[in-house]
């Protein structure tokens, strides 16, 4: 696997090359100190994947990502050295521009977290190198709307929907943004979200997601009331659940599936508390987190939506859900948004009709 390292600091560049070269399957074929050099190197050397810094002279990583995806589409992983809320916003703009994922720069040699962060970095680069990317320019500037599957008109009306629960991992931020941005302004139920992410990025993710989607988004707080038409993202290091009084629970519980927050933890609480009055959504991501618990939600009467393979960056979590027959529907992101709007509206109409008969 051939890697191009893009980083303006010579010391950091050397460090990243050292970390990557520790894996026998990785060959670092070159490096670049700014976006202009990166663009030329990608055209000339055709790497399997690029690790991209954001803050660089001449041409920054965001613009370099745009240019690469418009001319020579190549898998790109953003490597961030900051987790400050305003410092990470360009990272999410790079995801919009076509970067597949972002990862925190490994801690330095001798740091207690070096081994874990270096492993995460290398594994992310290797996994993303296998993703087939497409030319971004045509897709982003096309006036043609994507075809969106619709719900079958013969399907029974759902119960009144009172909660939507979403789980995602690798590739999830842009998919969640796509879904939230397509929901109607009068979307009438709260949304709870677990998105696997490197520590320190959640605050910046919530801010970017709210601004870019136009949907009210915040990082969840313990005991917070779930408000209609608002999205709540699980914070770093806490397992998130929903409580009987329509409030959020956050606990420093053990890892589940090696993760905290875990989609499984959230979905299990939703199945218990909301039963058929919830919709579960499982999106792109590696592993199996949330798949079995999505099936539990379905068994409790909830409607479950799973992202299709074609639109997933990594089809691990949704693929496992499909294998377990945990999905009521399988849609691309645009179809999931349409389904959420339709199901919530239909459930609300059903509730009004029942009130009218009383």
Protein backbone atom coordinates (compact mmCIF):
# COMPACT_ATOMS: atom_id res chain seq x y z
CA UNK A 1 0.00 0.00 0.00
CA UNK A 2 1.52 3.32 -1.13
CA UNK A 3 1.09 6.39 1.10
CA UNK A 4 1.81 10.07 0.48
CA UNK A 5 2.36 12.09 3.68
CA UNK A 6 1.37 15.79 3.50
CA UNK A 7 2.63 17.83 6.47
CA UNK A 8 4.40 21.19 6.64
CA UNK A 9 6.38 20.53 9.82
CA UNK A 10 9.56 18.53 9.02
CA UNK A 11 9.61 17.00 12.52
CA UNK A 12 5.96 15.92 12.40
CA UNK A 13 6.38 14.67 8.84
CA UNK A 14 9.32 12.50 9.88
CA UNK A 15 7.34 11.21 12.88
CA UNK A 16 4.32 10.23 10.77
CA UNK A 17 6.56 8.47 8.25
CA UNK A 18 8.17 6.56 11.14
CA UNK A 19 4.77 5.46 12.50
CA UNK A 20 3.47 4.39 9.09
CA UNK A 21 6.69 2.59 8.13
CA UNK A 22 6.42 0.43 11.26
CA UNK A 23 3.75 -1.54 9.41
CA UNK A 24 5.25 -3.90 6.81
CA UNK A 25 2.22 -3.50 4.53
CA UNK A 26 2.76 0.25 4.17
CA UNK A 27 5.23 1.96 1.85
CA UNK A 28 5.60 5.73 2.21
CA UNK A 29 6.37 6.75 -1.37
CA UNK A 30 6.75 10.47 -0.80
CA UNK A 31 5.95 13.57 1.21
CA UNK A 32 4.78 17.14 0.60
CA UNK A 33 5.04 20.33 2.67
CA UNK A 34 1.99 22.17 1.35
CA UNK A 35 -1.13 21.68 -0.74
CA UNK A 36 0.48 22.65 -4.03
CA UNK A 37 3.22 20.05 -3.60
CA UNK A 38 0.59 17.51 -2.55
CA UNK A 39 -1.50 18.02 -5.68
CA UNK A 40 1.52 17.61 -7.95
CA UNK A 41 2.76 14.57 -6.01
CA UNK A 42 -0.64 12.85 -6.26
CA UNK A 43 -0.73 13.43 -10.02
CA UNK A 44 2.84 12.20 -10.44
CA UNK A 45 3.07 9.30 -7.97
CA UNK A 46 -0.55 8.07 -7.77
CA UNK A 47 -0.54 6.91 -4.13
CA UNK A 48 -3.17 4.56 -2.76
CA UNK A 49 -3.93 7.05 0.01
CA UNK A 50 -2.92 10.52 1.25
CA UNK A 51 -2.54 11.62 4.87
CA UNK A 52 -3.35 15.34 4.87
CA UNK A 53 -2.53 18.13 7.31
CA UNK A 54 -5.00 21.03 7.32
CA UNK A 55 -2.98 24.09 8.31
CA UNK A 56 -0.20 24.59 5.72
CA UNK A 57 1.32 27.48 3.70
CA UNK A 58 0.56 28.27 0.03
CA UNK A 59 -2.41 25.90 -0.23
CA UNK A 60 -4.03 24.50 2.92
CA UNK A 61 -5.27 20.95 3.35
CA UNK A 62 -8.90 21.86 2.73
CA UNK A 63 -8.20 23.38 -0.69
CA UNK A 64 -5.77 20.57 -1.54
CA UNK A 65 -8.47 18.01 -0.73
CA UNK A 66 -10.92 19.83 -3.01
CA UNK A 67 -8.41 19.97 -5.87
CA UNK A 68 -7.38 16.33 -5.53
CA UNK A 69 -10.99 15.11 -5.46
CA UNK A 70 -11.81 17.21 -8.54
CA UNK A 71 -8.84 16.04 -10.62
CA UNK A 72 -7.30 12.77 -9.39
CA UNK A 73 -9.73 11.27 -6.86
CA UNK A 74 -7.68 9.55 -4.16
CA UNK A 75 -8.56 8.37 -0.64
CA UNK A 76 -7.61 11.10 1.84
CA UNK A 77 -7.36 10.89 5.64
CA UNK A 78 -7.12 14.19 7.51
CA UNK A 79 -4.52 14.08 10.31
CA UNK A 80 -5.31 16.69 12.94
CA UNK A 81 -2.96 17.97 15.60
CA UNK A 82 -5.64 20.02 17.36
CA UNK A 83 -8.91 19.22 19.08
CA UNK A 84 -9.88 22.81 19.97
CA UNK A 85 -13.42 23.56 18.81
CA UNK A 86 -12.50 26.25 16.27
CA UNK A 87 -9.36 24.45 15.14
CA UNK A 88 -11.23 21.33 14.02
CA UNK A 89 -13.90 23.04 11.89
CA UNK A 90 -11.75 22.97 8.71
CA UNK A 91 -11.42 19.21 9.23
CA UNK A 92 -15.16 18.78 8.76
CA UNK A 93 -15.13 21.06 5.73
CA UNK A 94 -12.48 18.73 4.28
CA UNK A 95 -14.86 15.81 4.88
CA UNK A 96 -17.46 17.76 2.88
CA UNK A 97 -14.87 18.21 0.14
CA UNK A 98 -14.32 14.47 -0.14
CA UNK A 99 -11.86 13.33 2.55
CA UNK A 100 -12.94 9.94 3.84
CA UNK A 101 -12.02 10.22 7.50
CA UNK A 102 -10.01 12.13 10.05
CA UNK A 103 -7.79 10.91 12.84
CA UNK A 104 -5.90 12.54 15.65
CA UNK A 105 -2.15 12.73 15.16
CA UNK A 106 -0.45 9.97 17.20
CA UNK A 107 1.01 11.03 20.52
CA UNK A 108 4.79 11.35 20.67
CA UNK A 109 7.20 8.52 21.38
CA UNK A 110 7.30 7.91 25.12
CA UNK A 111 3.77 9.24 25.67
CA UNK A 112 1.52 6.75 27.56
CA UNK A 113 -1.01 6.90 24.70
CA UNK A 114 1.55 6.49 21.90
CA UNK A 115 0.85 2.81 21.17
CA UNK A 116 -2.93 3.21 21.10
CA UNK A 117 -2.96 6.39 19.02
CA UNK A 118 -0.34 5.08 16.59
CA UNK A 119 -2.36 1.89 16.11
CA UNK A 120 -5.55 3.88 15.48
CA UNK A 121 -3.73 6.06 12.95
CA UNK A 122 -2.23 3.14 11.02
CA UNK A 123 -5.45 1.10 11.03
CA UNK A 124 -7.50 4.07 9.79
CA UNK A 125 -5.05 4.72 6.94
CA UNK A 126 -5.04 1.04 5.91
CA UNK A 127 -8.83 0.74 6.01
CA UNK A 128 -9.47 3.94 4.08
CA UNK A 129 -6.97 2.96 1.37
CA UNK A 130 -9.42 0.25 0.29
CA UNK A 131 -12.33 2.64 -0.28
CA UNK A 132 -13.25 3.41 -3.88
CA UNK A 133 -13.57 7.17 -4.30
CA UNK A 134 -15.23 9.07 -7.13
CA UNK A 135 -14.62 12.41 -8.76
CA UNK A 136 -16.18 14.96 -6.42
CA UNK A 137 -16.56 17.85 -8.84
CA UNK A 138 -19.34 16.36 -10.96
CA UNK A 139 -21.32 15.02 -8.03
CA UNK A 140 -21.27 18.19 -5.97
CA UNK A 141 -22.14 20.47 -8.89
CA UNK A 142 -24.76 18.31 -10.55
CA UNK A 143 -28.24 19.77 -10.76
CA UNK A 144 -29.73 16.31 -10.96
CA UNK A 145 -31.12 15.18 -7.63
CA UNK A 146 -30.27 11.61 -6.58
CA UNK A 147 -32.98 9.01 -6.95
CA UNK A 148 -34.55 8.36 -3.56
CA UNK A 149 -36.39 5.11 -2.80
CA UNK A 150 -39.82 5.63 -1.28
CA UNK A 151 -41.78 3.76 1.35
CA UNK A 152 -44.35 1.32 0.06
CA UNK A 153 -47.82 2.83 0.21
CA UNK A 154 -49.14 -0.57 1.29
CA UNK A 155 -47.00 -0.48 4.44
CA UNK A 156 -49.02 -0.12 7.66
CA UNK A 157 -48.94 3.26 9.36
CA UNK A 158 -46.48 3.29 12.26
CA UNK A 159 -47.22 4.20 15.83
CA UNK A 160 -46.70 7.79 16.86
CA UNK A 161 -42.93 8.30 16.66
CA UNK A 162 -41.41 9.99 19.70
CA UNK A 163 -37.67 9.48 19.14
CA UNK A 164 -35.10 8.85 16.41
CA UNK A 165 -31.82 7.16 17.41
CA UNK A 166 -28.84 7.23 15.03
CA UNK A 167 -25.56 5.31 15.24
CA UNK A 168 -22.55 5.84 12.96
CA UNK A 169 -18.80 5.37 12.75
CA UNK A 170 -16.34 5.78 9.87
CA UNK A 171 -17.86 8.00 7.18
CA UNK A 172 -20.73 9.02 9.44
CA UNK A 173 -20.31 12.80 9.82
CA UNK A 174 -21.15 13.66 6.21
CA UNK A 175 -24.02 11.14 6.12
CA UNK A 176 -25.55 12.57 9.29
CA UNK A 177 -25.16 16.07 7.85
CA UNK A 178 -26.93 14.95 4.66
CA UNK A 179 -29.81 13.45 6.64
CA UNK A 180 -30.33 16.39 9.02
CA UNK A 181 -30.10 18.97 6.24
CA UNK A 182 -32.92 17.23 4.36
CA UNK A 183 -35.36 17.01 7.26
CA UNK A 184 -38.27 19.48 7.22
CA UNK A 185 -38.11 22.54 9.47
CA UNK A 186 -41.11 21.28 11.41
CA UNK A 187 -39.58 17.85 12.17
CA UNK A 188 -41.36 17.09 15.41
CA UNK A 189 -39.26 14.56 17.36
CA UNK A 190 -35.86 14.62 19.09
CA UNK A 191 -32.86 12.80 17.59
CA UNK A 192 -30.14 11.14 19.68
CA UNK A 193 -26.83 10.34 17.99
CA UNK A 194 -23.77 8.25 18.77
CA UNK A 195 -20.94 8.98 16.33
CA UNK A 196 -17.62 7.21 16.93
CA UNK A 197 -14.92 9.88 16.84
CA UNK A 198 -11.40 10.58 18.08
CA UNK A 199 -11.42 12.25 21.53
CA UNK A 200 -11.69 16.02 21.45
CA UNK A 201 -13.61 16.38 18.19
CA UNK A 202 -17.23 16.08 19.36
CA UNK A 203 -17.74 19.75 20.28
CA UNK A 204 -16.41 20.86 16.90
CA UNK A 205 -18.50 18.21 15.16
CA UNK A 206 -21.69 19.42 16.86
CA UNK A 207 -20.98 23.04 15.93
CA UNK A 208 -20.17 22.20 12.30
CA UNK A 209 -23.16 19.88 12.01
CA UNK A 210 -25.57 22.49 13.32
CA UNK A 211 -24.23 25.24 11.05
CA UNK A 212 -24.00 23.11 7.91
CA UNK A 213 -27.34 21.30 8.26
CA UNK A 214 -29.50 24.09 9.67
CA UNK A 215 -30.79 21.62 12.28
CA UNK A 216 -30.40 22.45 16.00
CA UNK A 217 -27.54 20.27 17.28
CA UNK A 218 -25.82 20.12 20.66
CA UNK A 219 -23.60 17.85 22.72
CA UNK A 220 -25.84 16.00 25.18
CA UNK A 221 -25.80 16.77 28.91
CA UNK A 222 -26.86 14.40 31.69
CA UNK A 223 -30.48 14.86 32.70
CA UNK A 224 -31.23 17.12 29.75
CA UNK A 225 -34.82 17.06 28.46
CA UNK A 226 -35.26 15.80 24.89
CA UNK A 227 -36.86 18.59 22.86
CA UNK A 228 -38.73 18.08 19.56
CA UNK A 229 -36.72 18.99 16.49
CA UNK A 230 -33.35 18.95 18.26
CA UNK A 231 -30.39 16.58 17.85
CA UNK A 232 -28.22 15.45 20.77
CA UNK A 233 -24.76 13.94 20.27
CA UNK A 234 -23.14 11.67 22.85
CA UNK A 235 -20.06 13.32 24.41
CA UNK A 236 -16.58 11.82 24.66
CA UNK A 237 -16.10 9.12 27.27
CA UNK A 238 -19.75 8.66 28.30
CA UNK A 239 -22.28 5.96 27.53
CA UNK A 240 -25.53 7.66 26.52
CA UNK A 241 -29.01 6.31 27.19
CA UNK A 242 -32.57 7.62 27.15
CA UNK A 243 -34.64 7.66 30.33
CA UNK A 244 -38.36 7.14 30.99
CA UNK A 245 -38.97 10.84 31.60
CA UNK A 246 -37.74 11.75 28.08
CA UNK A 247 -34.35 12.81 29.38
CA UNK A 248 -30.77 11.91 28.54
CA UNK A 249 -28.65 9.71 30.78
CA UNK A 250 -24.84 9.87 30.65
CA UNK A 251 -22.70 7.40 32.60
CA UNK A 252 -19.03 6.55 32.89
CA UNK A 253 -19.83 2.88 32.28
CA UNK A 254 -17.47 0.29 30.84
CA UNK A 255 -16.62 0.08 27.16
CA UNK A 256 -19.07 -1.85 25.00
CA UNK A 257 -17.74 -3.39 21.79
CA UNK A 258 -14.53 -1.61 22.84
CA UNK A 259 -16.30 1.75 22.57
CA UNK A 260 -17.54 4.59 24.74
CA UNK A 261 -19.92 5.99 23.65
CA UNK A 262 -21.39 2.85 22.08
CA UNK A 263 -24.30 2.63 19.65
CA UNK A 264 -25.33 -0.67 21.25
CA UNK A 265 -25.69 0.98 24.66
CA UNK A 266 -27.94 3.71 23.25
CA UNK A 267 -30.08 1.43 21.08
CA UNK A 268 -30.68 -1.00 23.96
CA UNK A 269 -32.10 1.79 26.13
CA UNK A 270 -34.26 3.04 23.25
CA UNK A 271 -35.68 -0.46 22.71
CA UNK A 272 -36.55 -0.70 26.40
CA UNK A 273 -38.05 2.76 26.89
CA UNK A 274 -39.64 3.66 23.55
CA UNK A 275 -40.42 0.23 22.02
CA UNK A 276 -42.54 0.78 18.85
CA UNK A 277 -42.50 4.57 19.23
CA UNK A 278 -38.93 4.93 17.99
CA UNK A 279 -36.98 4.75 14.75
CA UNK A 280 -33.47 3.28 14.79
CA UNK A 281 -30.93 4.28 12.12
CA UNK A 282 -27.59 2.51 11.61
CA UNK A 283 -25.12 4.16 9.26
CA UNK A 284 -21.70 3.55 7.73
CA UNK A 285 -18.95 2.29 10.01
CA UNK A 286 -16.53 -0.52 10.74
CA UNK A 287 -17.32 -3.30 13.20
CA UNK A 288 -20.65 -4.48 14.58
CA UNK A 289 -21.59 -1.82 17.13
CA UNK A 290 -25.35 -1.38 17.31
CA UNK A 291 -26.33 -4.14 14.87
CA UNK A 292 -27.72 -6.67 17.38
CA UNK A 293 -29.40 -3.90 19.36
CA UNK A 294 -31.03 -2.54 16.20
CA UNK A 295 -32.58 -5.98 15.82
CA UNK A 296 -33.76 -5.74 19.43
CA UNK A 297 -35.41 -2.41 18.58
CA UNK A 298 -37.12 -4.03 15.60
CA UNK A 299 -38.34 -6.91 17.77
CA UNK A 300 -39.82 -4.35 20.16
CA UNK A 301 -41.83 -2.86 17.29
CA UNK A 302 -39.56 0.00 16.21
CA UNK A 303 -38.97 0.84 12.55
CA UNK A 304 -35.31 0.40 11.62
CA UNK A 305 -33.42 2.07 8.76
CA UNK A 306 -30.01 0.89 7.55
CA UNK A 307 -27.63 2.58 5.10
CA UNK A 308 -27.06 0.72 1.84
CA UNK A 309 -23.68 -0.69 0.82
CA UNK A 310 -23.27 1.52 -2.24
CA UNK A 311 -23.30 4.76 -0.23
CA UNK A 312 -21.39 3.50 2.83
CA UNK A 313 -17.70 4.34 3.25
CA UNK A 314 -17.44 1.16 5.35
CA UNK A 315 -20.35 -1.27 5.38
CA UNK A 316 -19.41 -3.11 8.58
CA UNK A 317 -22.11 -1.97 11.00
CA UNK A 318 -24.98 -1.67 8.49
CA UNK A 319 -23.85 -4.88 6.77
CA UNK A 320 -24.01 -6.78 10.05
CA UNK A 321 -27.49 -5.38 10.71
CA UNK A 322 -28.67 -6.60 7.31
CA UNK A 323 -27.19 -10.06 7.99
CA UNK A 324 -29.09 -10.17 11.28
CA UNK A 325 -32.31 -9.12 9.49
CA UNK A 326 -32.44 -6.07 11.74
CA UNK A 327 -33.52 -3.64 9.02
CA UNK A 328 -37.06 -2.65 8.12
CA UNK A 329 -35.70 -0.60 5.19
CA UNK A 330 -32.29 -0.22 3.50
CA UNK A 331 -31.73 3.21 1.93
CA UNK A 332 -28.99 5.66 0.89
CA UNK A 333 -28.71 8.79 3.09
CA UNK A 334 -31.21 10.79 1.03
CA UNK A 335 -33.71 7.94 1.29
CA UNK A 336 -33.22 7.72 5.04
CA UNK A 337 -34.03 11.43 5.39
CA UNK A 338 -37.15 11.05 3.24
CA UNK A 339 -38.24 7.99 5.23
CA UNK A 340 -37.75 9.74 8.57
CA UNK A 341 -39.84 12.71 7.46
CA UNK A 342 -42.60 10.46 6.06
CA UNK A 343 -42.72 8.10 9.05
CA UNK A 344 -42.78 10.86 11.64
CA UNK A 345 -45.50 12.72 9.72
CA UNK A 346 -47.57 9.54 9.26
CA UNK A 347 -47.21 8.65 12.92
CA UNK A 348 -48.29 12.15 13.94
CA UNK A 349 -51.34 11.96 11.66
CA UNK A 350 -52.23 8.57 13.12
CA UNK A 351 -52.02 9.96 16.65
CA UNK A 352 -54.26 12.90 15.72
CA UNK A 353 -56.80 10.55 14.13
CA UNK A 354 -56.88 8.43 17.28
CA UNK A 355 -57.44 11.51 19.43
CA UNK A 356 -60.32 12.49 17.16
CA UNK A 357 -62.02 9.14 17.75
CA UNK A 358 -61.84 9.47 21.51
